[in-house]
Amino acid sequence: MRMFFYIVTILFSRKERKYMFENLSILYAQLIIRGKRTFKSVPAKLKPYVKQALIDLDAGELAIEDEAQATPSNAS
């Protein structure tokens, strides 16, 4: 039981949460670039991280809320 609380504490600590958000942002950025997701579908807490990941991957133009403009065919 003690191990369970230890794991929960680690998962919900601020440092680990930020690390988790950064990893998820890279995943979402790749999905947006491939056209599987849109920036609008990204959870609000992750949007700043995903936007930065898209900028780092030279795809900052995909970090927009309007789905019509965020299609991969318009990104090139």
C-alpha atoms as a PDB file:
ATOM      1  CA  MET A   1       0.000   0.000   0.000  1.00  0.00           C
ATOM      2  CA  ARG A   2       2.854   2.349   0.783  1.00  0.00           C
ATOM      3  CA  MET A   3       4.270   1.795  -2.708  1.00  0.00           C
ATOM      4  CA  PHE A   4       0.921   2.793  -4.242  1.00  0.00           C
ATOM      5  CA  PHE A   5       0.952   6.148  -2.443  1.00  0.00           C
ATOM      6  CA  TYR A   6       4.572   6.674  -3.410  1.00  0.00           C
ATOM      7  CA  ILE A   7       3.758   6.110  -7.093  1.00  0.00           C
ATOM      8  CA  VAL A   8       0.708   8.404  -6.927  1.00  0.00           C
ATOM      9  CA  THR A   9       2.820  11.101  -5.280  1.00  0.00           C
ATOM     10  CA  ILE A  10       5.401  10.859  -8.046  1.00  0.00           C
ATOM     11  CA  LEU A  11       2.782  10.942 -10.793  1.00  0.00           C
ATOM     12  CA  PHE A  12       1.084  14.021  -9.430  1.00  0.00           C
ATOM     13  CA  SER A  13       4.107  16.038  -8.390  1.00  0.00           C
ATOM     14  CA  ARG A  14       4.594  19.266 -10.319  1.00  0.00           C
ATOM     15  CA  LYS A  15       7.902  18.256 -11.818  1.00  0.00           C
ATOM     16  CA  GLU A  16       6.576  14.934 -13.092  1.00  0.00           C
ATOM     17  CA  ARG A  17       3.389  16.561 -14.390  1.00  0.00           C
ATOM     18  CA  LYS A  18       5.404  19.083 -16.392  1.00  0.00           C
ATOM     19  CA  TYR A  19       7.553  16.266 -17.799  1.00  0.00           C
ATOM     20  CA  MET A  20       4.411  14.326 -18.719  1.00  0.00           C
ATOM     21  CA  PHE A  21       2.886  17.407 -20.419  1.00  0.00           C
ATOM     22  CA  GLU A  22       6.054  17.945 -22.442  1.00  0.00           C
ATOM     23  CA  ASN A  23       6.035  14.328 -23.633  1.00  0.00           C
ATOM     24  CA  LEU A  24       2.342  14.446 -24.504  1.00  0.00           C
ATOM     25  CA  SER A  25       2.868  17.709 -26.361  1.00  0.00           C
ATOM     26  CA  ILE A  26       5.370  16.063 -28.691  1.00  0.00           C
ATOM     27  CA  LEU A  27       2.888  13.262 -29.362  1.00  0.00           C
ATOM     28  CA  TYR A  28       0.079  15.732 -30.102  1.00  0.00           C
ATOM     29  CA  ALA A  29       2.385  17.816 -32.305  1.00  0.00           C
ATOM     30  CA  GLN A  30       3.237  14.769 -34.406  1.00  0.00           C
ATOM     31  CA  LEU A  31      -0.449  13.870 -34.730  1.00  0.00           C
ATOM     32  CA  ILE A  32      -1.265  17.435 -35.811  1.00  0.00           C
ATOM     33  CA  ILE A  33       1.537  17.441 -38.386  1.00  0.00           C
ATOM     34  CA  ARG A  34       0.305  14.121 -39.808  1.00  0.00           C
ATOM     35  CA  GLY A  35      -3.278  15.413 -39.990  1.00  0.00           C
ATOM     36  CA  LYS A  36      -4.726  12.968 -37.439  1.00  0.00           C
ATOM     37  CA  ARG A  37      -5.618  15.717 -34.935  1.00  0.00           C
ATOM     38  CA  THR A  38      -6.153  19.459 -34.975  1.00  0.00           C
ATOM     39  CA  PHE A  39      -4.821  22.068 -32.582  1.00  0.00           C
ATOM     40  CA  LYS A  40      -8.411  22.769 -31.569  1.00  0.00           C
ATOM     41  CA  SER A  41      -8.763  19.184 -30.263  1.00  0.00           C
ATOM     42  CA  VAL A  42      -5.789  19.536 -27.889  1.00  0.00           C
ATOM     43  CA  PRO A  43      -6.767  19.810 -24.189  1.00  0.00           C
ATOM     44  CA  ALA A  44      -6.483  23.375 -22.873  1.00  0.00           C
ATOM     45  CA  LYS A  45      -3.753  22.527 -20.324  1.00  0.00           C
ATOM     46  CA  LEU A  46      -1.551  21.085 -23.073  1.00  0.00           C
ATOM     47  CA  LYS A  47      -2.023  23.827 -25.687  1.00  0.00           C
ATOM     48  CA  PRO A  48       0.976  25.986 -24.662  1.00  0.00           C
ATOM     49  CA  TYR A  49       3.250  22.941 -24.682  1.00  0.00           C
ATOM     50  CA  VAL A  50       1.894  21.695 -28.028  1.00  0.00           C
ATOM     51  CA  LYS A  51       2.228  25.157 -29.564  1.00  0.00           C
ATOM     52  CA  GLN A  52       5.873  25.314 -28.496  1.00  0.00           C
ATOM     53  CA  ALA A  53       6.494  21.786 -29.807  1.00  0.00           C
ATOM     54  CA  LEU A  54       4.987  22.731 -33.184  1.00  0.00           C
ATOM     55  CA  ILE A  55       7.170  25.845 -33.339  1.00  0.00           C
ATOM     56  CA  ASP A  56      10.242  23.759 -32.475  1.00  0.00           C
ATOM     57  CA  LEU A  57       9.335  21.334 -35.280  1.00  0.00           C
ATOM     58  CA  ASP A  58       9.003  24.216 -37.787  1.00  0.00           C
ATOM     59  CA  ALA A  59       5.236  23.716 -38.015  1.00  0.00           C
ATOM     60  CA  GLY A  60       4.065  26.702 -35.976  1.00  0.00           C
ATOM     61  CA  GLU A  61       1.501  27.591 -38.634  1.00  0.00           C
ATOM     62  CA  LEU A  62      -0.522  24.547 -37.526  1.00  0.00           C
ATOM     63  CA  ALA A  63      -0.980  25.976 -34.018  1.00  0.00           C
ATOM     64  CA  ILE A  64      -4.230  27.740 -34.858  1.00  0.00           C
ATOM     65  CA  GLU A  65      -7.754  27.224 -33.551  1.00  0.00           C
ATOM     66  CA  ASP A  66      -9.545  27.297 -36.920  1.00  0.00           C
ATOM     67  CA  GLU A  67      -9.807  23.742 -38.299  1.00  0.00           C
ATOM     68  CA  ALA A  68     -10.302  24.884 -41.903  1.00  0.00           C
ATOM     69  CA  GLN A  69      -6.879  26.539 -41.923  1.00  0.00           C
ATOM     70  CA  ALA A  70      -5.121  23.720 -40.064  1.00  0.00           C
ATOM     71  CA  THR A  71      -5.347  21.048 -42.744  1.00  0.00           C
ATOM     72  CA  PRO A  72      -2.048  19.508 -43.870  1.00  0.00           C
ATOM     73  CA  SER A  73      -2.733  20.496 -47.499  1.00  0.00           C
ATOM     74  CA  ASN A  74      -2.691  24.155 -46.460  1.00  0.00           C
ATOM     75  CA  ALA A  75       0.417  23.718 -44.327  1.00  0.00           C
ATOM     76  CA  SER A  76       2.870  23.434 -47.203  1.00  0.00           C
END
